[in-house]
Amino acid sequence: MIRNLDHLRDEITFVLNNVDIYDEQAFEFLKELSVIVVEMRALKADDKSVPKLCRFLWWMFTGWSFVVGGKIERKPDFVKDMFEAI
C-alpha cells in the first residue's frame, strides 16, 4: 500500500507541476488530495490525521461538508468531474 501511495503522490505532483489547471475547484481538489496522501503515508492508528482523512474521504464520496454542516450540491460523480476538468 505504501508504494501505491507514493505512486499516487508522484502522479499528483507531476500534474500539479506540468499541467495548467484553469478550474480552481479541480486545482484545490488536487492540492488537498496531495496533502491527504502525504498524511496517509505516515498514518498511525492513534494519529490526529485520521479524522482529517476520514472527513476528506467522506466529503469526496458523499458530498457532505463538515465545514458547511450539510450536503453540498454537486454532480453524482464529483471525482470523475474533477479529473476531467484538469
PDB file of N, CA and C in Angstrom:
ATOM      1  N   MET A   1       0.819  -1.198   0.000  1.00  0.00           N
ATOM      2  CA  MET A   1       0.000   0.000   0.000  1.00  0.00           C
ATOM      3  C   MET A   1       0.867   1.269   0.000  1.00  0.00           C
ATOM      4  N   ILE A   2       1.972   1.239   0.716  1.00  0.00           N
ATOM      5  CA  ILE A   2       2.846   2.419   0.774  1.00  0.00           C
ATOM      6  C   ILE A   2       3.347   2.780  -0.618  1.00  0.00           C
ATOM      7  N   ARG A   3       3.729   1.780  -1.398  1.00  0.00           N
ATOM      8  CA  ARG A   3       4.201   2.066  -2.760  1.00  0.00           C
ATOM      9  C   ARG A   3       3.101   2.694  -3.598  1.00  0.00           C
ATOM     10  N   ASN A   4       1.873   2.223  -3.398  1.00  0.00           N
ATOM     11  CA  ASN A   4       0.749   2.795  -4.141  1.00  0.00           C
ATOM     12  C   ASN A   4       0.536   4.251  -3.761  1.00  0.00           C
ATOM     13  N   LEU A   5       0.644   4.571  -2.476  1.00  0.00           N
ATOM     14  CA  LEU A   5       0.505   5.961  -2.031  1.00  0.00           C
ATOM     15  C   LEU A   5       1.625   6.822  -2.607  1.00  0.00           C
ATOM     16  N   ASP A   6       2.845   6.286  -2.605  1.00  0.00           N
ATOM     17  CA  ASP A   6       3.967   7.027  -3.184  1.00  0.00           C
ATOM     18  C   ASP A   6       3.740   7.291  -4.669  1.00  0.00           C
ATOM     19  N   HIS A   7       3.228   6.292  -5.357  1.00  0.00           N
ATOM     20  CA  HIS A   7       2.959   6.444  -6.788  1.00  0.00           C
ATOM     21  C   HIS A   7       1.867   7.482  -7.026  1.00  0.00           C
ATOM     22  N   LEU A   8       0.806   7.425  -6.244  1.00  0.00           N
ATOM     23  CA  LEU A   8      -0.271   8.407  -6.372  1.00  0.00           C
ATOM     24  C   LEU A   8       0.248   9.815  -6.115  1.00  0.00           C
ATOM     25  N   ARG A   9       1.037   9.976  -5.086  1.00  0.00           N
ATOM     26  CA  ARG A   9       1.621  11.287  -4.763  1.00  0.00           C
ATOM     27  C   ARG A   9       2.495  11.788  -5.904  1.00  0.00           C
ATOM     28  N   ASP A  10       3.306  10.891  -6.483  1.00  0.00           N
ATOM     29  CA  ASP A  10       4.155  11.271  -7.614  1.00  0.00           C
ATOM     30  C   ASP A  10       3.315  11.738  -8.802  1.00  0.00           C
ATOM     31  N   GLU A  11       2.237  11.031  -9.067  1.00  0.00           N
ATOM     32  CA  GLU A  11       1.372  11.395 -10.194  1.00  0.00           C
ATOM     33  C   GLU A  11       0.686  12.737  -9.954  1.00  0.00           C
ATOM     34  N   ILE A  12       0.208  12.959  -8.749  1.00  0.00           N
ATOM     35  CA  ILE A  12      -0.434  14.233  -8.415  1.00  0.00           C
ATOM     36  C   ILE A  12       0.568  15.373  -8.539  1.00  0.00           C
ATOM     37  N   THR A  13       1.774  15.161  -8.029  1.00  0.00           N
ATOM     38  CA  THR A  13       2.824  16.173  -8.112  1.00  0.00           C
ATOM     39  C   THR A  13       3.161  16.490  -9.565  1.00  0.00           C
ATOM     40  N   PHE A  14       3.236  15.464 -10.397  1.00  0.00           N
ATOM     41  CA  PHE A  14       3.524  15.670 -11.813  1.00  0.00           C
ATOM     42  C   PHE A  14       2.450  16.550 -12.451  1.00  0.00           C
ATOM     43  N   VAL A  15       1.202  16.225 -12.198  1.00  0.00           N
ATOM     44  CA  VAL A  15       0.102  17.001 -12.779  1.00  0.00           C
ATOM     45  C   VAL A  15       0.144  18.450 -12.284  1.00  0.00           C
ATOM     46  N   LEU A  16       0.322  18.639 -10.981  1.00  0.00           N
ATOM     47  CA  LEU A  16       0.355  19.993 -10.430  1.00  0.00           C
ATOM     48  C   LEU A  16       1.506  20.814 -10.995  1.00  0.00           C
ATOM     49  N   ASN A  17       2.630  20.168 -11.302  1.00  0.00           N
ATOM     50  CA  ASN A  17       3.805  20.884 -11.801  1.00  0.00           C
ATOM     51  C   ASN A  17       3.837  21.060 -13.315  1.00  0.00           C
ATOM     52  N   ASN A  18       3.084  20.248 -14.057  1.00  0.00           N
ATOM     53  CA  ASN A  18       3.232  20.243 -15.511  1.00  0.00           C
ATOM     54  C   ASN A  18       1.972  20.545 -16.306  1.00  0.00           C
ATOM     55  N   VAL A  19       0.859  20.679 -15.635  1.00  0.00           N
ATOM     56  CA  VAL A  19      -0.397  20.924 -16.337  1.00  0.00           C
ATOM     57  C   VAL A  19      -0.998  22.239 -15.842  1.00  0.00           C
ATOM     58  N   ASP A  20      -1.407  23.077 -16.784  1.00  0.00           N
ATOM     59  CA  ASP A  20      -2.109  24.308 -16.414  1.00  0.00           C
ATOM     60  C   ASP A  20      -3.544  23.937 -16.081  1.00  0.00           C
ATOM     61  N   ILE A  21      -3.900  24.086 -14.814  1.00  0.00           N
ATOM     62  CA  ILE A  21      -5.248  23.750 -14.364  1.00  0.00           C
ATOM     63  C   ILE A  21      -6.003  25.060 -14.175  1.00  0.00           C
ATOM     64  N   TYR A  22      -6.987  25.278 -15.025  1.00  0.00           N
ATOM     65  CA  TYR A  22      -7.719  26.540 -15.004  1.00  0.00           C
ATOM     66  C   TYR A  22      -8.946  26.489 -14.097  1.00  0.00           C
ATOM     67  N   ASP A  23      -9.393  25.297 -13.783  1.00  0.00           N
ATOM     68  CA  ASP A  23     -10.548  25.133 -12.908  1.00  0.00           C
ATOM     69  C   ASP A  23     -10.063  25.190 -11.458  1.00  0.00           C
ATOM     70  N   GLU A  24     -10.420  26.253 -10.744  1.00  0.00           N
ATOM     71  CA  GLU A  24      -9.942  26.465  -9.369  1.00  0.00           C
ATOM     72  C   GLU A  24     -10.373  25.331  -8.442  1.00  0.00           C
ATOM     73  N   GLN A  25     -11.581  24.841  -8.619  1.00  0.00           N
ATOM     74  CA  GLN A  25     -12.076  23.760  -7.773  1.00  0.00           C
ATOM     75  C   GLN A  25     -11.261  22.477  -7.999  1.00  0.00           C
ATOM     76  N   ALA A  26     -10.936  22.180  -9.245  1.00  0.00           N
ATOM     77  CA  ALA A  26     -10.125  20.998  -9.551  1.00  0.00           C
ATOM     78  C   ALA A  26      -8.712  21.149  -8.989  1.00  0.00           C
ATOM     79  N   PHE A  27      -8.159  22.363  -9.095  1.00  0.00           N
ATOM     80  CA  PHE A  27      -6.827  22.624  -8.571  1.00  0.00           C
ATOM     81  C   PHE A  27      -6.786  22.431  -7.055  1.00  0.00           C
ATOM     82  N   GLU A  28      -7.765  22.985  -6.348  1.00  0.00           N
ATOM     83  CA  GLU A  28      -7.835  22.839  -4.892  1.00  0.00           C
ATOM     84  C   GLU A  28      -8.045  21.378  -4.496  1.00  0.00           C
ATOM     85  N   PHE A  29      -8.852  20.663  -5.269  1.00  0.00           N
ATOM     86  CA  PHE A  29      -9.082  19.247  -5.025  1.00  0.00           C
ATOM     87  C   PHE A  29      -7.764  18.476  -5.084  1.00  0.00           C
ATOM     88  N   LEU A  30      -6.968  18.716  -6.116  1.00  0.00           N
ATOM     89  CA  LEU A  30      -5.682  18.023  -6.255  1.00  0.00           C
ATOM     90  C   LEU A  30      -4.714  18.381  -5.133  1.00  0.00           C
ATOM     91  N   LYS A  31      -4.676  19.651  -4.764  1.00  0.00           N
ATOM     92  CA  LYS A  31      -3.793  20.049  -3.666  1.00  0.00           C
ATOM     93  C   LYS A  31      -4.190  19.357  -2.370  1.00  0.00           C
ATOM     94  N   GLU A  32      -5.490  19.336  -2.068  1.00  0.00           N
ATOM     95  CA  GLU A  32      -5.966  18.687  -0.846  1.00  0.00           C
ATOM     96  C   GLU A  32      -5.706  17.187  -0.898  1.00  0.00           C
ATOM     97  N   LEU A  33      -5.925  16.581  -2.050  1.00  0.00           N
ATOM     98  CA  LEU A  33      -5.654  15.152  -2.206  1.00  0.00           C
ATOM     99  C   LEU A  33      -4.173  14.858  -1.985  1.00  0.00           C
ATOM    100  N   SER A  34      -3.315  15.729  -2.456  1.00  0.00           N
ATOM    101  CA  SER A  34      -1.877  15.569  -2.263  1.00  0.00           C
ATOM    102  C   SER A  34      -1.516  15.611  -0.782  1.00  0.00           C
ATOM    103  N   VAL A  35      -2.081  16.548  -0.052  1.00  0.00           N
ATOM    104  CA  VAL A  35      -1.826  16.653   1.390  1.00  0.00           C
ATOM    105  C   VAL A  35      -2.318  15.399   2.103  1.00  0.00           C
ATOM    106  N   ILE A  36      -3.495  14.940   1.744  1.00  0.00           N
ATOM    107  CA  ILE A  36      -4.056  13.742   2.376  1.00  0.00           C
ATOM    108  C   ILE A  36      -3.179  12.532   2.117  1.00  0.00           C
ATOM    109  N   VAL A  37      -2.667  12.396   0.905  1.00  0.00           N
ATOM    110  CA  VAL A  37      -1.801  11.256   0.581  1.00  0.00           C
ATOM    111  C   VAL A  37      -0.538  11.288   1.434  1.00  0.00           C
ATOM    112  N   VAL A  38       0.045  12.463   1.601  1.00  0.00           N
ATOM    113  CA  VAL A  38       1.239  12.584   2.446  1.00  0.00           C
ATOM    114  C   VAL A  38       0.900  12.204   3.883  1.00  0.00           C
ATOM    115  N   GLU A  39      -0.237  12.664   4.376  1.00  0.00           N
ATOM    116  CA  GLU A  39      -0.637  12.325   5.742  1.00  0.00           C
ATOM    117  C   GLU A  39      -0.935  10.838   5.888  1.00  0.00           C
ATOM    118  N   MET A  40      -1.528  10.235   4.870  1.00  0.00           N
ATOM    119  CA  MET A  40      -1.824   8.808   4.918  1.00  0.00           C
ATOM    120  C   MET A  40      -0.536   7.993   4.956  1.00  0.00           C
ATOM    121  N   ARG A  41       0.472   8.498   4.293  1.00  0.00           N
ATOM    122  CA  ARG A  41       1.763   7.794   4.223  1.00  0.00           C
ATOM    123  C   ARG A  41       2.353   7.596   5.622  1.00  0.00           C
ATOM    124  N   ALA A  42       2.135   8.552   6.491  1.00  0.00           N
ATOM    125  CA  ALA A  42       2.705   8.498   7.834  1.00  0.00           C
ATOM    126  C   ALA A  42       1.654   8.173   8.898  1.00  0.00           C
ATOM    127  N   LEU A  43       0.511   7.700   8.460  1.00  0.00           N
ATOM    128  CA  LEU A  43      -0.612   7.481   9.364  1.00  0.00           C
ATOM    129  C   LEU A  43      -0.346   6.363  10.367  1.00  0.00           C
ATOM    130  N   LYS A  44      -0.716   6.631  11.597  1.00  0.00           N
ATOM    131  CA  LYS A  44      -0.676   5.635  12.663  1.00  0.00           C
ATOM    132  C   LYS A  44      -2.075   5.568  13.247  1.00  0.00           C
ATOM    133  N   ALA A  45      -2.390   4.484  13.907  1.00  0.00           N
ATOM    134  CA  ALA A  45      -3.745   4.286  14.432  1.00  0.00           C
ATOM    135  C   ALA A  45      -4.154   5.401  15.396  1.00  0.00           C
ATOM    136  N   ASP A  46      -3.204   5.938  16.152  1.00  0.00           N
ATOM    137  CA  ASP A  46      -3.536   6.970  17.130  1.00  0.00           C
ATOM    138  C   ASP A  46      -3.244   8.387  16.618  1.00  0.00           C
ATOM    139  N   ASP A  47      -2.937   8.492  15.346  1.00  0.00           N
ATOM    140  CA  ASP A  47      -2.558   9.773  14.758  1.00  0.00           C
ATOM    141  C   ASP A  47      -3.762  10.707  14.671  1.00  0.00           C
ATOM    142  N   LYS A  48      -3.521  11.994  14.850  1.00  0.00           N
ATOM    143  CA  LYS A  48      -4.585  13.003  14.768  1.00  0.00           C
ATOM    144  C   LYS A  48      -5.043  13.256  13.336  1.00  0.00           C
ATOM    145  N   SER A  49      -4.304  12.751  12.351  1.00  0.00           N
ATOM    146  CA  SER A  49      -4.704  12.977  10.961  1.00  0.00           C
ATOM    147  C   SER A  49      -5.794  12.008  10.511  1.00  0.00           C
ATOM    148  N   VAL A  50      -6.087  10.990  11.298  1.00  0.00           N
ATOM    149  CA  VAL A  50      -7.135  10.041  10.932  1.00  0.00           C
ATOM    150  C   VAL A  50      -8.473  10.746  10.737  1.00  0.00           C
ATOM    151  N   PRO A  51      -8.921  11.595  11.673  1.00  0.00           N
ATOM    152  CA  PRO A  51     -10.194  12.294  11.451  1.00  0.00           C
ATOM    153  C   PRO A  51     -10.170  13.177  10.205  1.00  0.00           C
ATOM    154  N   LYS A  52      -9.056  13.838   9.934  1.00  0.00           N
ATOM    155  CA  LYS A  52      -8.967  14.688   8.749  1.00  0.00           C
ATOM    156  C   LYS A  52      -9.104  13.845   7.487  1.00  0.00           C
ATOM    157  N   LEU A  53      -8.436  12.711   7.456  1.00  0.00           N
ATOM    158  CA  LEU A  53      -8.537  11.808   6.324  1.00  0.00           C
ATOM    159  C   LEU A  53      -9.973  11.335   6.146  1.00  0.00           C
ATOM    160  N   CYS A  54     -10.598  10.934   7.237  1.00  0.00           N
ATOM    161  CA  CYS A  54     -11.978  10.444   7.171  1.00  0.00           C
ATOM    162  C   CYS A  54     -12.932  11.529   6.693  1.00  0.00           C
ATOM    163  N   ARG A  55     -12.757  12.752   7.187  1.00  0.00           N
ATOM    164  CA  ARG A  55     -13.605  13.865   6.739  1.00  0.00           C
ATOM    165  C   ARG A  55     -13.424  14.129   5.254  1.00  0.00           C
ATOM    166  N   PHE A  56     -12.161  14.091   4.773  1.00  0.00           N
ATOM    167  CA  PHE A  56     -11.903  14.331   3.356  1.00  0.00           C
ATOM    168  C   PHE A  56     -12.549  13.246   2.503  1.00  0.00           C
ATOM    169  N   LEU A  57     -12.357  11.997   2.862  1.00  0.00           N
ATOM    170  CA  LEU A  57     -12.950  10.899   2.098  1.00  0.00           C
ATOM    171  C   LEU A  57     -14.469  10.961   2.135  1.00  0.00           C
ATOM    172  N   TRP A  58     -15.027  11.291   3.294  1.00  0.00           N
ATOM    173  CA  TRP A  58     -16.475  11.419   3.421  1.00  0.00           C
ATOM    174  C   TRP A  58     -16.983  12.527   2.497  1.00  0.00           C
ATOM    175  N   TRP A  59     -16.308  13.668   2.499  1.00  0.00           N
ATOM    176  CA  TRP A  59     -16.673  14.788   1.633  1.00  0.00           C
ATOM    177  C   TRP A  59     -16.566  14.395   0.162  1.00  0.00           C
ATOM    178  N   MET A  60     -15.466  13.715  -0.183  1.00  0.00           N
ATOM    179  CA  MET A  60     -15.203  13.380  -1.570  1.00  0.00           C
ATOM    180  C   MET A  60     -16.258  12.425  -2.124  1.00  0.00           C
ATOM    181  N   PHE A  61     -16.659  11.450  -1.330  1.00  0.00           N
ATOM    182  CA  PHE A  61     -17.548  10.427  -1.863  1.00  0.00           C
ATOM    183  C   PHE A  61     -19.021  10.625  -1.526  1.00  0.00           C
ATOM    184  N   THR A  62     -19.362  11.468  -0.557  1.00  0.00           N
ATOM    185  CA  THR A  62     -20.767  11.664  -0.209  1.00  0.00           C
ATOM    186  C   THR A  62     -21.257  13.080  -0.490  1.00  0.00           C
ATOM    187  N   GLY A  63     -20.328  14.039  -0.534  1.00  0.00           N
ATOM    188  CA  GLY A  63     -20.727  15.424  -0.734  1.00  0.00           C
ATOM    189  C   GLY A  63     -21.079  16.148   0.558  1.00  0.00           C
ATOM    190  N   TRP A  64     -20.914  15.482   1.697  1.00  0.00           N
ATOM    191  CA  TRP A  64     -21.206  16.102   2.985  1.00  0.00           C
ATOM    192  C   TRP A  64     -20.021  16.948   3.415  1.00  0.00           C
ATOM    193  N   SER A  65     -20.264  18.197   3.762  1.00  0.00           N
ATOM    194  CA  SER A  65     -19.206  19.097   4.201  1.00  0.00           C
ATOM    195  C   SER A  65     -19.320  19.348   5.695  1.00  0.00           C
ATOM    196  N   PHE A  66     -18.261  19.042   6.418  1.00  0.00           N
ATOM    197  CA  PHE A  66     -18.236  19.337   7.848  1.00  0.00           C
ATOM    198  C   PHE A  66     -18.038  20.830   8.083  1.00  0.00           C
ATOM    199  N   VAL A  67     -17.484  21.534   7.102  1.00  0.00           N
ATOM    200  CA  VAL A  67     -17.296  22.973   7.209  1.00  0.00           C
ATOM    201  C   VAL A  67     -18.649  23.676   7.086  1.00  0.00           C
ATOM    202  N   VAL A  68     -19.421  23.293   6.090  1.00  0.00           N
ATOM    203  CA  VAL A  68     -20.733  23.899   5.847  1.00  0.00           C
ATOM    204  C   VAL A  68     -21.775  23.319   6.796  1.00  0.00           C
ATOM    205  N   GLY A  69     -21.566  22.064   7.187  1.00  0.00           N
ATOM    206  CA  GLY A  69     -22.527  21.405   8.068  1.00  0.00           C
ATOM    207  C   GLY A  69     -23.704  20.821   7.313  1.00  0.00           C
ATOM    208  N   GLY A  70     -23.476  20.449   6.076  1.00  0.00           N
ATOM    209  CA  GLY A  70     -24.548  19.858   5.282  1.00  0.00           C
ATOM    210  C   GLY A  70     -24.041  19.377   3.946  1.00  0.00           C
ATOM    211  N   LYS A  71     -24.966  18.882   3.171  1.00  0.00           N
ATOM    212  CA  LYS A  71     -24.633  18.346   1.859  1.00  0.00           C
ATOM    213  C   LYS A  71     -24.392  19.488   0.880  1.00  0.00           C
ATOM    214  N   ILE A  72     -23.373  19.321   0.064  1.00  0.00           N
ATOM    215  CA  ILE A  72     -23.046  20.299  -0.967  1.00  0.00           C
ATOM    216  C   ILE A  72     -23.631  19.788  -2.277  1.00  0.00           C
ATOM    217  N   GLU A  73     -24.351  20.653  -2.960  1.00  0.00           N
ATOM    218  CA  GLU A  73     -24.942  20.255  -4.241  1.00  0.00           C
ATOM    219  C   GLU A  73     -23.839  20.087  -5.278  1.00  0.00           C
ATOM    220  N   ARG A  74     -23.817  18.916  -5.884  1.00  0.00           N
ATOM    221  CA  ARG A  74     -22.869  18.651  -6.961  1.00  0.00           C
ATOM    222  C   ARG A  74     -23.307  17.413  -7.712  1.00  0.00           C
ATOM    223  N   LYS A  75     -22.670  17.180  -8.838  1.00  0.00           N
ATOM    224  CA  LYS A  75     -23.000  16.023  -9.648  1.00  0.00           C
ATOM    225  C   LYS A  75     -22.626  14.746  -8.899  1.00  0.00           C
ATOM    226  N   PRO A  76     -23.291  13.645  -9.228  1.00  0.00           N
ATOM    227  CA  PRO A  76     -23.029  12.383  -8.519  1.00  0.00           C
ATOM    228  C   PRO A  76     -21.581  11.896  -8.632  1.00  0.00           C
ATOM    229  N   ASP A  77     -20.944  12.074  -9.785  1.00  0.00           N
ATOM    230  CA  ASP A  77     -19.585  11.569  -9.949  1.00  0.00           C
ATOM    231  C   ASP A  77     -18.585  12.720  -9.876  1.00  0.00           C
ATOM    232  N   PHE A  78     -18.500  13.324  -8.705  1.00  0.00           N
ATOM    233  CA  PHE A  78     -17.670  14.508  -8.485  1.00  0.00           C
ATOM    234  C   PHE A  78     -16.190  14.243  -8.781  1.00  0.00           C
ATOM    235  N   VAL A  79     -15.665  13.113  -8.330  1.00  0.00           N
ATOM    236  CA  VAL A  79     -14.246  12.808  -8.512  1.00  0.00           C
ATOM    237  C   VAL A  79     -13.923  12.716 -10.003  1.00  0.00           C
ATOM    238  N   LYS A  80     -14.761  12.039 -10.755  1.00  0.00           N
ATOM    239  CA  LYS A  80     -14.556  11.937 -12.200  1.00  0.00           C
ATOM    240  C   LYS A  80     -14.583  13.325 -12.835  1.00  0.00           C
ATOM    241  N   ASP A  81     -15.525  14.153 -12.407  1.00  0.00           N
ATOM    242  CA  ASP A  81     -15.622  15.514 -12.950  1.00  0.00           C
ATOM    243  C   ASP A  81     -14.362  16.329 -12.657  1.00  0.00           C
ATOM    244  N   MET A  82     -13.795  16.167 -11.463  1.00  0.00           N
ATOM    245  CA  MET A  82     -12.582  16.897 -11.111  1.00  0.00           C
ATOM    246  C   MET A  82     -11.424  16.497 -12.032  1.00  0.00           C
ATOM    247  N   PHE A  83     -11.290  15.218 -12.288  1.00  0.00           N
ATOM    248  CA  PHE A  83     -10.193  14.765 -13.148  1.00  0.00           C
ATOM    249  C   PHE A  83     -10.436  15.180 -14.604  1.00  0.00           C
ATOM    250  N   GLU A  84     -11.679  15.201 -15.040  1.00  0.00           N
ATOM    251  CA  GLU A  84     -11.973  15.663 -16.393  1.00  0.00           C
ATOM    252  C   GLU A  84     -11.728  17.156 -16.537  1.00  0.00           C
ATOM    253  N   ALA A  85     -11.915  17.921 -15.473  1.00  0.00           N
ATOM    254  CA  ALA A  85     -11.691  19.367 -15.503  1.00  0.00           C
ATOM    255  C   ALA A  85     -10.211  19.707 -15.643  1.00  0.00           C
ATOM    256  N   ILE A  86      -9.373  18.797 -15.237  1.00  0.00           N
ATOM    257  CA  ILE A  86      -7.927  19.018 -15.318  1.00  0.00           C
ATOM    258  C   ILE A  86      -7.492  18.873 -16.760  1.00  0.00           C
TER     259      ILE A  86
END
